[in-house]
Amino acid sequence: MSAKAEALYDLYDCGRLDGRYSTSELMVMLGIRHRTMIPNYSVSGVLYRKRYLFERVDDEPISKALAAEWDKTRKQILEQ
């Protein structure tokens, strides 16, 4: 049984790139309760809370393991 892959989104806050996050991370960060809201906002191009824009990074979702590795490496770079 393989791990379920999760899509990544670039998050823009008032037009400025804030970072690249998984659907789960965005749900926690922004208090979004329904998983389908993020892809719906991304496809429509409508701002969430008149502030946030979600832009899907790739049509191919990444695995949870790769997302965890990406996050670990990103945090290490930011701490330097």
PDB file of N, CA and C in Angstrom:
ATOM      1  N   MET A   1       0.844  -1.179   0.000  1.00  0.00           N
ATOM      2  CA  MET A   1       0.000   0.000   0.000  1.00  0.00           C
ATOM      3  C   MET A   1       0.887   1.239   0.000  1.00  0.00           C
ATOM      4  N   SER A   2       0.718   2.102  -0.951  1.00  0.00           N
ATOM      5  CA  SER A   2       1.558   3.297  -1.058  1.00  0.00           C
ATOM      6  C   SER A   2       0.933   4.463  -0.300  1.00  0.00           C
ATOM      7  N   ALA A   3       1.814   5.401   0.076  1.00  0.00           N
ATOM      8  CA  ALA A   3       1.336   6.599   0.777  1.00  0.00           C
ATOM      9  C   ALA A   3       0.558   7.475  -0.198  1.00  0.00           C
ATOM     10  N   LYS A   4      -0.498   8.074   0.298  1.00  0.00           N
ATOM     11  CA  LYS A   4      -1.314   8.950  -0.543  1.00  0.00           C
ATOM     12  C   LYS A   4      -0.532  10.228  -0.841  1.00  0.00           C
ATOM     13  N   ALA A   5      -0.496  10.601  -2.093  1.00  0.00           N
ATOM     14  CA  ALA A   5       0.232  11.795  -2.509  1.00  0.00           C
ATOM     15  C   ALA A   5      -0.596  13.039  -2.221  1.00  0.00           C
ATOM     16  N   GLU A   6       0.103  14.128  -1.962  1.00  0.00           N
ATOM     17  CA  GLU A   6      -0.574  15.379  -1.646  1.00  0.00           C
ATOM     18  C   GLU A   6      -0.012  16.488  -2.535  1.00  0.00           C
ATOM     19  N   ALA A   7      -0.891  17.299  -3.082  1.00  0.00           N
ATOM     20  CA  ALA A   7      -0.487  18.380  -3.983  1.00  0.00           C
ATOM     21  C   ALA A   7       0.170  19.514  -3.203  1.00  0.00           C
ATOM     22  N   LEU A   8       1.019  20.256  -3.892  1.00  0.00           N
ATOM     23  CA  LEU A   8       1.653  21.442  -3.319  1.00  0.00           C
ATOM     24  C   LEU A   8       1.091  22.689  -3.981  1.00  0.00           C
ATOM     25  N   TYR A   9       1.008  23.742  -3.201  1.00  0.00           N
ATOM     26  CA  TYR A   9       0.503  25.025  -3.688  1.00  0.00           C
ATOM     27  C   TYR A   9       1.443  26.141  -3.266  1.00  0.00           C
ATOM     28  N   ASP A  10       1.667  27.094  -4.172  1.00  0.00           N
ATOM     29  CA  ASP A  10       2.327  28.338  -3.797  1.00  0.00           C
ATOM     30  C   ASP A  10       1.257  29.217  -3.174  1.00  0.00           C
ATOM     31  N   LEU A  11       1.568  29.799  -2.029  1.00  0.00           N
ATOM     32  CA  LEU A  11       0.630  30.670  -1.331  1.00  0.00           C
ATOM     33  C   LEU A  11       1.084  32.113  -1.501  1.00  0.00           C
ATOM     34  N   TYR A  12       0.204  32.935  -2.052  1.00  0.00           N
ATOM     35  CA  TYR A  12       0.471  34.367  -2.200  1.00  0.00           C
ATOM     36  C   TYR A  12      -0.391  35.116  -1.200  1.00  0.00           C
ATOM     37  N   ASP A  13       0.241  35.972  -0.425  1.00  0.00           N
ATOM     38  CA  ASP A  13      -0.453  36.789   0.571  1.00  0.00           C
ATOM     39  C   ASP A  13      -0.394  38.232   0.093  1.00  0.00           C
ATOM     40  N   CYS A  14      -1.539  38.771  -0.294  1.00  0.00           N
ATOM     41  CA  CYS A  14      -1.615  40.142  -0.839  1.00  0.00           C
ATOM     42  C   CYS A  14      -0.657  40.315  -2.018  1.00  0.00           C
ATOM     43  N   GLY A  15      -0.575  39.303  -2.869  1.00  0.00           N
ATOM     44  CA  GLY A  15       0.241  39.372  -4.070  1.00  0.00           C
ATOM     45  C   GLY A  15       1.703  39.010  -3.884  1.00  0.00           C
ATOM     46  N   ARG A  16       2.134  38.744  -2.659  1.00  0.00           N
ATOM     47  CA  ARG A  16       3.533  38.417  -2.379  1.00  0.00           C
ATOM     48  C   ARG A  16       3.648  36.926  -2.056  1.00  0.00           C
ATOM     49  N   LEU A  17       4.618  36.253  -2.677  1.00  0.00           N
ATOM     50  CA  LEU A  17       4.807  34.825  -2.443  1.00  0.00           C
ATOM     51  C   LEU A  17       5.211  34.587  -0.993  1.00  0.00           C
ATOM     52  N   ASP A  18       4.412  33.798  -0.296  1.00  0.00           N
ATOM     53  CA  ASP A  18       4.677  33.479   1.109  1.00  0.00           C
ATOM     54  C   ASP A  18       5.439  32.172   1.243  1.00  0.00           C
ATOM     55  N   GLY A  19       5.156  31.204   0.374  1.00  0.00           N
ATOM     56  CA  GLY A  19       5.837  29.918   0.443  1.00  0.00           C
ATOM     57  C   GLY A  19       5.088  28.851  -0.309  1.00  0.00           C
ATOM     58  N   ARG A  20       5.623  27.644  -0.241  1.00  0.00           N
ATOM     59  CA  ARG A  20       5.036  26.486  -0.912  1.00  0.00           C
ATOM     60  C   ARG A  20       4.598  25.494   0.157  1.00  0.00           C
ATOM     61  N   TYR A  21       3.334  25.123   0.127  1.00  0.00           N
ATOM     62  CA  TYR A  21       2.767  24.309   1.189  1.00  0.00           C
ATOM     63  C   TYR A  21       1.869  23.212   0.630  1.00  0.00           C
ATOM     64  N   SER A  22       1.731  22.154   1.419  1.00  0.00           N
ATOM     65  CA  SER A  22       0.788  21.090   1.068  1.00  0.00           C
ATOM     66  C   SER A  22      -0.626  21.524   1.453  1.00  0.00           C
ATOM     67  N   THR A  23      -1.599  20.791   0.969  1.00  0.00           N
ATOM     68  CA  THR A  23      -2.990  21.084   1.301  1.00  0.00           C
ATOM     69  C   THR A  23      -3.205  21.036   2.808  1.00  0.00           C
ATOM     70  N   SER A  24      -2.651  20.020   3.463  1.00  0.00           N
ATOM     71  CA  SER A  24      -2.812  19.879   4.915  1.00  0.00           C
ATOM     72  C   SER A  24      -2.213  21.057   5.666  1.00  0.00           C
ATOM     73  N   GLU A  25      -1.041  21.500   5.236  1.00  0.00           N
ATOM     74  CA  GLU A  25      -0.401  22.647   5.896  1.00  0.00           C
ATOM     75  C   GLU A  25      -1.242  23.906   5.743  1.00  0.00           C
ATOM     76  N   LEU A  26      -1.761  24.128   4.551  1.00  0.00           N
ATOM     77  CA  LEU A  26      -2.594  25.313   4.317  1.00  0.00           C
ATOM     78  C   LEU A  26      -3.869  25.272   5.153  1.00  0.00           C
ATOM     79  N   MET A  27      -4.449  24.095   5.281  1.00  0.00           N
ATOM     80  CA  MET A  27      -5.667  23.967   6.084  1.00  0.00           C
ATOM     81  C   MET A  27      -5.412  24.379   7.531  1.00  0.00           C
ATOM     82  N   VAL A  28      -4.293  23.941   8.086  1.00  0.00           N
ATOM     83  CA  VAL A  28      -3.954  24.288   9.467  1.00  0.00           C
ATOM     84  C   VAL A  28      -3.606  25.769   9.587  1.00  0.00           C
ATOM     85  N   MET A  29      -2.760  26.257   8.686  1.00  0.00           N
ATOM     86  CA  MET A  29      -2.299  27.651   8.744  1.00  0.00           C
ATOM     87  C   MET A  29      -3.442  28.651   8.640  1.00  0.00           C
ATOM     88  N   LEU A  30      -4.394  28.362   7.753  1.00  0.00           N
ATOM     89  CA  LEU A  30      -5.440  29.337   7.447  1.00  0.00           C
ATOM     90  C   LEU A  30      -6.802  28.978   8.041  1.00  0.00           C
ATOM     91  N   GLY A  31      -6.862  27.902   8.799  1.00  0.00           N
ATOM     92  CA  GLY A  31      -8.115  27.512   9.434  1.00  0.00           C
ATOM     93  C   GLY A  31      -9.177  27.044   8.455  1.00  0.00           C
ATOM     94  N   ILE A  32      -8.743  26.384   7.391  1.00  0.00           N
ATOM     95  CA  ILE A  32      -9.668  25.884   6.372  1.00  0.00           C
ATOM     96  C   ILE A  32     -10.155  24.504   6.805  1.00  0.00           C
ATOM     97  N   ARG A  33     -11.454  24.311   6.830  1.00  0.00           N
ATOM     98  CA  ARG A  33     -12.025  23.058   7.332  1.00  0.00           C
ATOM     99  C   ARG A  33     -12.273  22.019   6.250  1.00  0.00           C
ATOM    100  N   HIS A  34     -12.479  22.444   5.026  1.00  0.00           N
ATOM    101  CA  HIS A  34     -12.819  21.513   3.948  1.00  0.00           C
ATOM    102  C   HIS A  34     -11.669  21.428   2.946  1.00  0.00           C
ATOM    103  N   ARG A  35     -11.141  20.227   2.786  1.00  0.00           N
ATOM    104  CA  ARG A  35      -9.984  19.974   1.926  1.00  0.00           C
ATOM    105  C   ARG A  35     -10.206  20.429   0.482  1.00  0.00           C
ATOM    106  N   THR A  36     -11.428  20.377  -0.003  1.00  0.00           N
ATOM    107  CA  THR A  36     -11.696  20.723  -1.402  1.00  0.00           C
ATOM    108  C   THR A  36     -11.665  22.229  -1.671  1.00  0.00           C
ATOM    109  N   MET A  37     -11.681  23.038  -0.627  1.00  0.00           N
ATOM    110  CA  MET A  37     -11.686  24.491  -0.835  1.00  0.00           C
ATOM    111  C   MET A  37     -10.416  24.978  -1.528  1.00  0.00           C
ATOM    112  N   ILE A  38      -9.274  24.421  -1.160  1.00  0.00           N
ATOM    113  CA  ILE A  38      -8.002  24.900  -1.711  1.00  0.00           C
ATOM    114  C   ILE A  38      -7.924  24.653  -3.213  1.00  0.00           C
ATOM    115  N   PRO A  39      -8.163  23.426  -3.698  1.00  0.00           N
ATOM    116  CA  PRO A  39      -8.143  23.249  -5.156  1.00  0.00           C
ATOM    117  C   PRO A  39      -9.214  24.065  -5.878  1.00  0.00           C
ATOM    118  N   ASN A  40     -10.372  24.236  -5.250  1.00  0.00           N
ATOM    119  CA  ASN A  40     -11.432  25.037  -5.880  1.00  0.00           C
ATOM    120  C   ASN A  40     -11.010  26.493  -6.037  1.00  0.00           C
ATOM    121  N   TYR A  41     -10.425  27.064  -5.010  1.00  0.00           N
ATOM    122  CA  TYR A  41      -9.938  28.439  -5.095  1.00  0.00           C
ATOM    123  C   TYR A  41      -8.791  28.541  -6.106  1.00  0.00           C
ATOM    124  N   SER A  42      -7.939  27.528  -6.135  1.00  0.00           N
ATOM    125  CA  SER A  42      -6.808  27.536  -7.063  1.00  0.00           C
ATOM    126  C   SER A  42      -7.279  27.539  -8.516  1.00  0.00           C
ATOM    127  N   VAL A  43      -8.223  26.679  -8.841  1.00  0.00           N
ATOM    128  CA  VAL A  43      -8.731  26.580 -10.213  1.00  0.00           C
ATOM    129  C   VAL A  43      -9.458  27.856 -10.625  1.00  0.00           C
ATOM    130  N   SER A  44     -10.247  28.417  -9.706  1.00  0.00           N
ATOM    131  CA  SER A  44     -11.044  29.606 -10.043  1.00  0.00           C
ATOM    132  C   SER A  44     -10.222  30.891 -10.048  1.00  0.00           C
ATOM    133  N   GLY A  45      -9.106  30.899  -9.301  1.00  0.00           N
ATOM    134  CA  GLY A  45      -8.283  32.107  -9.221  1.00  0.00           C
ATOM    135  C   GLY A  45      -8.839  33.167  -8.287  1.00  0.00           C
ATOM    136  N   VAL A  46      -9.875  32.814  -7.533  1.00  0.00           N
ATOM    137  CA  VAL A  46     -10.487  33.746  -6.580  1.00  0.00           C
ATOM    138  C   VAL A  46      -9.637  33.793  -5.313  1.00  0.00           C
ATOM    139  N   LEU A  47      -9.505  34.980  -4.715  1.00  0.00           N
ATOM    140  CA  LEU A  47      -8.743  35.125  -3.483  1.00  0.00           C
ATOM    141  C   LEU A  47      -9.525  34.558  -2.303  1.00  0.00           C
ATOM    142  N   TYR A  48      -8.836  33.825  -1.453  1.00  0.00           N
ATOM    143  CA  TYR A  48      -9.440  33.326  -0.221  1.00  0.00           C
ATOM    144  C   TYR A  48      -9.333  34.422   0.830  1.00  0.00           C
ATOM    145  N   ARG A  49     -10.427  34.761   1.451  1.00  0.00           N
ATOM    146  CA  ARG A  49     -10.517  35.856   2.427  1.00  0.00           C
ATOM    147  C   ARG A  49     -10.033  37.184   1.837  1.00  0.00           C
ATOM    148  N   LYS A  50     -10.237  37.342   0.536  1.00  0.00           N
ATOM    149  CA  LYS A  50      -9.847  38.555  -0.195  1.00  0.00           C
ATOM    150  C   LYS A  50      -8.372  38.888  -0.003  1.00  0.00           C
ATOM    151  N   ARG A  51      -7.564  37.857   0.240  1.00  0.00           N
ATOM    152  CA  ARG A  51      -6.159  38.081   0.559  1.00  0.00           C
ATOM    153  C   ARG A  51      -5.222  37.017  -0.014  1.00  0.00           C
ATOM    154  N   TYR A  52      -5.604  35.751   0.077  1.00  0.00           N
ATOM    155  CA  TYR A  52      -4.707  34.651  -0.260  1.00  0.00           C
ATOM    156  C   TYR A  52      -5.040  34.053  -1.623  1.00  0.00           C
ATOM    157  N   LEU A  53      -3.987  33.828  -2.415  1.00  0.00           N
ATOM    158  CA  LEU A  53      -4.127  33.162  -3.702  1.00  0.00           C
ATOM    159  C   LEU A  53      -3.387  31.836  -3.633  1.00  0.00           C
ATOM    160  N   PHE A  54      -4.048  30.756  -4.042  1.00  0.00           N
ATOM    161  CA  PHE A  54      -3.436  29.435  -4.096  1.00  0.00           C
ATOM    162  C   PHE A  54      -3.129  29.121  -5.556  1.00  0.00           C
ATOM    163  N   GLU A  55      -1.891  28.742  -5.823  1.00  0.00           N
ATOM    164  CA  GLU A  55      -1.490  28.382  -7.182  1.00  0.00           C
ATOM    165  C   GLU A  55      -0.847  27.004  -7.138  1.00  0.00           C
ATOM    166  N   ARG A  56      -1.509  26.038  -7.764  1.00  0.00           N
ATOM    167  CA  ARG A  56      -0.979  24.671  -7.742  1.00  0.00           C
ATOM    168  C   ARG A  56       0.362  24.633  -8.460  1.00  0.00           C
ATOM    169  N   VAL A  57       1.310  23.969  -7.835  1.00  0.00           N
ATOM    170  CA  VAL A  57       2.671  23.951  -8.350  1.00  0.00           C
ATOM    171  C   VAL A  57       2.826  22.988  -9.509  1.00  0.00           C
ATOM    172  N   ASP A  58       2.239  21.820  -9.414  1.00  0.00           N
ATOM    173  CA  ASP A  58       2.464  20.782 -10.408  1.00  0.00           C
ATOM    174  C   ASP A  58       1.196  19.955 -10.553  1.00  0.00           C
ATOM    175  N   ASP A  59       0.964  19.462 -11.736  1.00  0.00           N
ATOM    176  CA  ASP A  59      -0.191  18.598 -11.940  1.00  0.00           C
ATOM    177  C   ASP A  59      -0.005  17.241 -11.281  1.00  0.00           C
ATOM    178  N   GLU A  60       1.242  16.860 -11.050  1.00  0.00           N
ATOM    179  CA  GLU A  60       1.533  15.587 -10.406  1.00  0.00           C
ATOM    180  C   GLU A  60       1.733  15.816  -8.915  1.00  0.00           C
ATOM    181  N   PRO A  61       0.893  15.223  -8.067  1.00  0.00           N
ATOM    182  CA  PRO A  61       1.077  15.377  -6.628  1.00  0.00           C
ATOM    183  C   PRO A  61       2.328  14.636  -6.162  1.00  0.00           C
ATOM    184  N   ILE A  62       2.871  15.066  -5.044  1.00  0.00           N
ATOM    185  CA  ILE A  62       4.051  14.404  -4.501  1.00  0.00           C
ATOM    186  C   ILE A  62       3.635  13.516  -3.341  1.00  0.00           C
ATOM    187  N   SER A  63       4.498  12.586  -3.011  1.00  0.00           N
ATOM    188  CA  SER A  63       4.201  11.687  -1.898  1.00  0.00           C
ATOM    189  C   SER A  63       4.417  12.411  -0.574  1.00  0.00           C
ATOM    190  N   LYS A  64       3.819  11.881   0.468  1.00  0.00           N
ATOM    191  CA  LYS A  64       3.994  12.472   1.796  1.00  0.00           C
ATOM    192  C   LYS A  64       5.455  12.405   2.226  1.00  0.00           C
ATOM    193  N   ALA A  65       6.149  11.328   1.853  1.00  0.00           N
ATOM    194  CA  ALA A  65       7.561  11.186   2.213  1.00  0.00           C
ATOM    195  C   ALA A  65       8.396  12.281   1.557  1.00  0.00           C
ATOM    196  N   LEU A  66       8.145  12.554   0.287  1.00  0.00           N
ATOM    197  CA  LEU A  66       8.879  13.606  -0.407  1.00  0.00           C
ATOM    198  C   LEU A  66       8.537  14.975   0.161  1.00  0.00           C
ATOM    199  N   ALA A  67       7.278  15.195   0.506  1.00  0.00           N
ATOM    200  CA  ALA A  67       6.872  16.466   1.112  1.00  0.00           C
ATOM    201  C   ALA A  67       7.566  16.668   2.454  1.00  0.00           C
ATOM    202  N   ALA A  68       7.674  15.607   3.244  1.00  0.00           N
ATOM    203  CA  ALA A  68       8.351  15.697   4.541  1.00  0.00           C
ATOM    204  C   ALA A  68       9.834  15.988   4.353  1.00  0.00           C
ATOM    205  N   GLU A  69      10.463  15.346   3.382  1.00  0.00           N
ATOM    206  CA  GLU A  69      11.883  15.590   3.094  1.00  0.00           C
ATOM    207  C   GLU A  69      12.095  17.028   2.629  1.00  0.00           C
ATOM    208  N   TRP A  70      11.210  17.514   1.768  1.00  0.00           N
ATOM    209  CA  TRP A  70      11.289  18.897   1.284  1.00  0.00           C
ATOM    210  C   TRP A  70      11.197  19.874   2.452  1.00  0.00           C
ATOM    211  N   ASP A  71      10.240  19.649   3.336  1.00  0.00           N
ATOM    212  CA  ASP A  71      10.032  20.538   4.474  1.00  0.00           C
ATOM    213  C   ASP A  71      11.241  20.530   5.406  1.00  0.00           C
ATOM    214  N   LYS A  72      11.807  19.367   5.656  1.00  0.00           N
ATOM    215  CA  LYS A  72      12.989  19.245   6.518  1.00  0.00           C
ATOM    216  C   LYS A  72      14.167  20.016   5.924  1.00  0.00           C
ATOM    217  N   THR A  73      14.418  19.826   4.642  1.00  0.00           N
ATOM    218  CA  THR A  73      15.521  20.513   3.971  1.00  0.00           C
ATOM    219  C   THR A  73      15.302  22.017   3.942  1.00  0.00           C
ATOM    220  N   ARG A  74      14.087  22.438   3.660  1.00  0.00           N
ATOM    221  CA  ARG A  74      13.766  23.871   3.619  1.00  0.00           C
ATOM    222  C   ARG A  74      14.012  24.523   4.974  1.00  0.00           C
ATOM    223  N   LYS A  75      13.595  23.858   6.045  1.00  0.00           N
ATOM    224  CA  LYS A  75      13.792  24.397   7.391  1.00  0.00           C
ATOM    225  C   LYS A  75      15.273  24.491   7.738  1.00  0.00           C
ATOM    226  N   GLN A  76      16.066  23.488   7.319  1.00  0.00           N
ATOM    227  CA  GLN A  76      17.506  23.524   7.572  1.00  0.00           C
ATOM    228  C   GLN A  76      18.145  24.717   6.877  1.00  0.00           C
ATOM    229  N   ILE A  77      17.740  24.979   5.658  1.00  0.00           N
ATOM    230  CA  ILE A  77      18.293  26.108   4.903  1.00  0.00           C
ATOM    231  C   ILE A  77      17.898  27.423   5.558  1.00  0.00           C
ATOM    232  N   LEU A  78      16.658  27.539   5.996  1.00  0.00           N
ATOM    233  CA  LEU A  78      16.187  28.772   6.616  1.00  0.00           C
ATOM    234  C   LEU A  78      16.862  29.048   7.955  1.00  0.00           C
ATOM    235  N   GLU A  79      17.287  28.003   8.658  1.00  0.00           N
ATOM    236  CA  GLU A  79      17.933  28.170   9.959  1.00  0.00           C
ATOM    237  C   GLU A  79      19.390  28.602   9.838  1.00  0.00           C
ATOM    238  N   GLN A  80      19.974  28.498   8.670  1.00  0.00           N
ATOM    239  CA  GLN A  80      21.388  28.867   8.482  1.00  0.00           C
ATOM    240  C   GLN A  80      21.585  30.350   8.541  1.00  0.00           C
TER     241      GLN A  80
END
